[in-house]
Each structure stands twice: as C-alpha cells, then as structure tokens.
Amino acid sequence: MAASINTILTNKFLDLVISHLYLKNDAALARELDVRPPVISKMRHGKLPFGAILVIRTHELTEWPVKDILAQLPKLRGAKD
C-alpha cells in the first residue's frame, strides 16, 4: 500500500529536522524532542500526527518560525482552517 501524502510530508519534515540538528537517527531526534522513540516511529508510519507540543519543541530547537514549521506539515488533527 502506498504511503499517504501526510505520511510523506511528515517523514520529509522529520528528516529535515534531523539534518538541521546534525543528528544521526530517529532515536537522537526523539531524545532532543523529549519523547520516546516509538513516538517518532508512529509519526513516520502515519499512526500519530505531529502535534502542537512537538511544533513548539521543534521551534525551540531549530529557531524556525512556527509559521514555517506548520507550512511544512500536514494539518494538525482538529485544527480549524
């Protein structure tokens, strides 16, 4: 089964953050984001959305504007248009 566009966008974004922070893998990203490694895996497999708390944490780590982070991610579940 082909991956959904949301999963593809999330995976590309996670890879971008890993690259920007010069991290080695998803486990290192999980440590930086202060989540358990299965959270990253679930996001990569489309089982869990990239939530608002992780947007803020990513902003703190990368200093990217929240607006730019949100522009690269699929819509957050429950967000209003």
C-alpha atoms as a PDB file:
ATOM      1  CA  MET A   1       0.000   0.000   0.000  1.00  0.00           C
ATOM      2  CA  ALA A   2       1.345   3.427  -0.918  1.00  0.00           C
ATOM      3  CA  ALA A   3       2.111   5.961   1.803  1.00  0.00           C
ATOM      4  CA  SER A   4      -0.317   8.851   2.177  1.00  0.00           C
ATOM      5  CA  ILE A   5       0.751  12.394   1.353  1.00  0.00           C
ATOM      6  CA  ASN A   6       0.511  13.277   5.070  1.00  0.00           C
ATOM      7  CA  THR A   7       2.959  10.496   5.951  1.00  0.00           C
ATOM      8  CA  ILE A   8       5.327  11.560   3.190  1.00  0.00           C
ATOM      9  CA  LEU A   9       5.240  15.211   4.326  1.00  0.00           C
ATOM     10  CA  THR A  10       5.806  14.229   7.954  1.00  0.00           C
ATOM     11  CA  ASN A  11       8.733  11.959   7.039  1.00  0.00           C
ATOM     12  CA  LYS A  12      10.369  14.665   4.924  1.00  0.00           C
ATOM     13  CA  PHE A  13       9.945  17.146   7.760  1.00  0.00           C
ATOM     14  CA  LEU A  14      11.416  14.752  10.337  1.00  0.00           C
ATOM     15  CA  ASP A  15      14.385  14.143   8.015  1.00  0.00           C
ATOM     16  CA  LEU A  16      14.826  17.910   7.615  1.00  0.00           C
ATOM     17  CA  VAL A  17      14.913  18.430  11.388  1.00  0.00           C
ATOM     18  CA  ILE A  18      17.395  15.563  11.827  1.00  0.00           C
ATOM     19  CA  SER A  19      19.631  17.098   9.166  1.00  0.00           C
ATOM     20  CA  HIS A  20      19.356  20.629  10.573  1.00  0.00           C
ATOM     21  CA  LEU A  21      20.272  19.495  14.077  1.00  0.00           C
ATOM     22  CA  TYR A  22      23.098  17.238  12.770  1.00  0.00           C
ATOM     23  CA  LEU A  23      21.528  14.203  14.396  1.00  0.00           C
ATOM     24  CA  LYS A  24      22.280  10.625  13.462  1.00  0.00           C
ATOM     25  CA  ASN A  25      18.850   8.993  13.541  1.00  0.00           C
ATOM     26  CA  ASP A  26      15.275   8.990  14.832  1.00  0.00           C
ATOM     27  CA  ALA A  27      16.373   7.908  18.323  1.00  0.00           C
ATOM     28  CA  ALA A  28      18.579  11.009  18.606  1.00  0.00           C
ATOM     29  CA  LEU A  29      15.677  13.163  17.395  1.00  0.00           C
ATOM     30  CA  ALA A  30      13.402  11.586  19.987  1.00  0.00           C
ATOM     31  CA  ARG A  31      15.892  12.487  22.725  1.00  0.00           C
ATOM     32  CA  GLU A  32      16.062  16.093  21.505  1.00  0.00           C
ATOM     33  CA  LEU A  33      12.277  16.385  21.304  1.00  0.00           C
ATOM     34  CA  ASP A  34      11.984  14.743  24.727  1.00  0.00           C
ATOM     35  CA  VAL A  35       9.737  11.922  23.506  1.00  0.00           C
ATOM     36  CA  ARG A  36      10.177   8.155  23.422  1.00  0.00           C
ATOM     37  CA  PRO A  37      11.467   6.688  20.126  1.00  0.00           C
ATOM     38  CA  PRO A  38       8.155   4.906  19.371  1.00  0.00           C
ATOM     39  CA  VAL A  39       6.516   8.338  19.040  1.00  0.00           C
ATOM     40  CA  ILE A  40       8.776   9.168  16.076  1.00  0.00           C
ATOM     41  CA  SER A  41       8.115   5.739  14.569  1.00  0.00           C
ATOM     42  CA  LYS A  42       4.347   6.183  14.892  1.00  0.00           C
ATOM     43  CA  MET A  43       4.561   9.590  13.190  1.00  0.00           C
ATOM     44  CA  ARG A  44       6.641   8.098  10.363  1.00  0.00           C
ATOM     45  CA  HIS A  45       4.037   5.374   9.838  1.00  0.00           C
ATOM     46  CA  GLY A  46       1.077   7.774   9.898  1.00  0.00           C
ATOM     47  CA  LYS A  47      -0.312   6.436  13.172  1.00  0.00           C
ATOM     48  CA  LEU A  48       0.269   9.651  15.136  1.00  0.00           C
ATOM     49  CA  PRO A  49       0.121  13.275  13.944  1.00  0.00           C
ATOM     50  CA  PHE A  50       2.935  15.759  14.564  1.00  0.00           C
ATOM     51  CA  GLY A  51       1.234  17.528  17.468  1.00  0.00           C
ATOM     52  CA  ALA A  52       1.265  21.118  18.663  1.00  0.00           C
ATOM     53  CA  ILE A  53       3.675  20.406  21.535  1.00  0.00           C
ATOM     54  CA  LEU A  54       6.203  18.967  19.090  1.00  0.00           C
ATOM     55  CA  VAL A  55       5.783  22.020  16.851  1.00  0.00           C
ATOM     56  CA  ILE A  56       6.740  24.238  19.792  1.00  0.00           C
ATOM     57  CA  ARG A  57       9.626  21.964  20.797  1.00  0.00           C
ATOM     58  CA  THR A  58      10.896  21.934  17.194  1.00  0.00           C
ATOM     59  CA  HIS A  59      10.700  25.737  17.153  1.00  0.00           C
ATOM     60  CA  GLU A  60      12.742  25.907  20.362  1.00  0.00           C
ATOM     61  CA  LEU A  61      15.414  23.547  18.995  1.00  0.00           C
ATOM     62  CA  THR A  62      15.717  24.915  15.460  1.00  0.00           C
ATOM     63  CA  GLU A  63      14.636  28.541  15.979  1.00  0.00           C
ATOM     64  CA  TRP A  64      12.496  28.201  12.834  1.00  0.00           C
ATOM     65  CA  PRO A  65       9.335  30.316  12.906  1.00  0.00           C
ATOM     66  CA  VAL A  66       6.271  28.307  13.942  1.00  0.00           C
ATOM     67  CA  LYS A  67       4.534  29.521  10.777  1.00  0.00           C
ATOM     68  CA  ASP A  68       7.275  27.898   8.655  1.00  0.00           C
ATOM     69  CA  ILE A  69       7.100  24.650  10.620  1.00  0.00           C
ATOM     70  CA  LEU A  70       3.330  24.450  10.202  1.00  0.00           C
ATOM     71  CA  ALA A  71       3.629  25.200   6.470  1.00  0.00           C
ATOM     72  CA  GLN A  72       5.723  22.037   6.011  1.00  0.00           C
ATOM     73  CA  LEU A  73       3.459  19.709   7.979  1.00  0.00           C
ATOM     74  CA  PRO A  74       0.045  18.246   7.193  1.00  0.00           C
ATOM     75  CA  LYS A  75      -2.819  19.956   9.003  1.00  0.00           C
ATOM     76  CA  LEU A  76      -2.867  19.147  12.700  1.00  0.00           C
ATOM     77  CA  ARG A  77      -5.760  16.899  13.643  1.00  0.00           C
ATOM     78  CA  GLY A  78      -8.619  19.008  14.928  1.00  0.00           C
ATOM     79  CA  ALA A  79      -7.141  22.305  13.677  1.00  0.00           C
ATOM     80  CA  LYS A  80      -9.537  24.843  12.207  1.00  0.00           C
ATOM     81  CA  ASP A  81      -8.955  26.151   8.650  1.00  0.00           C
END
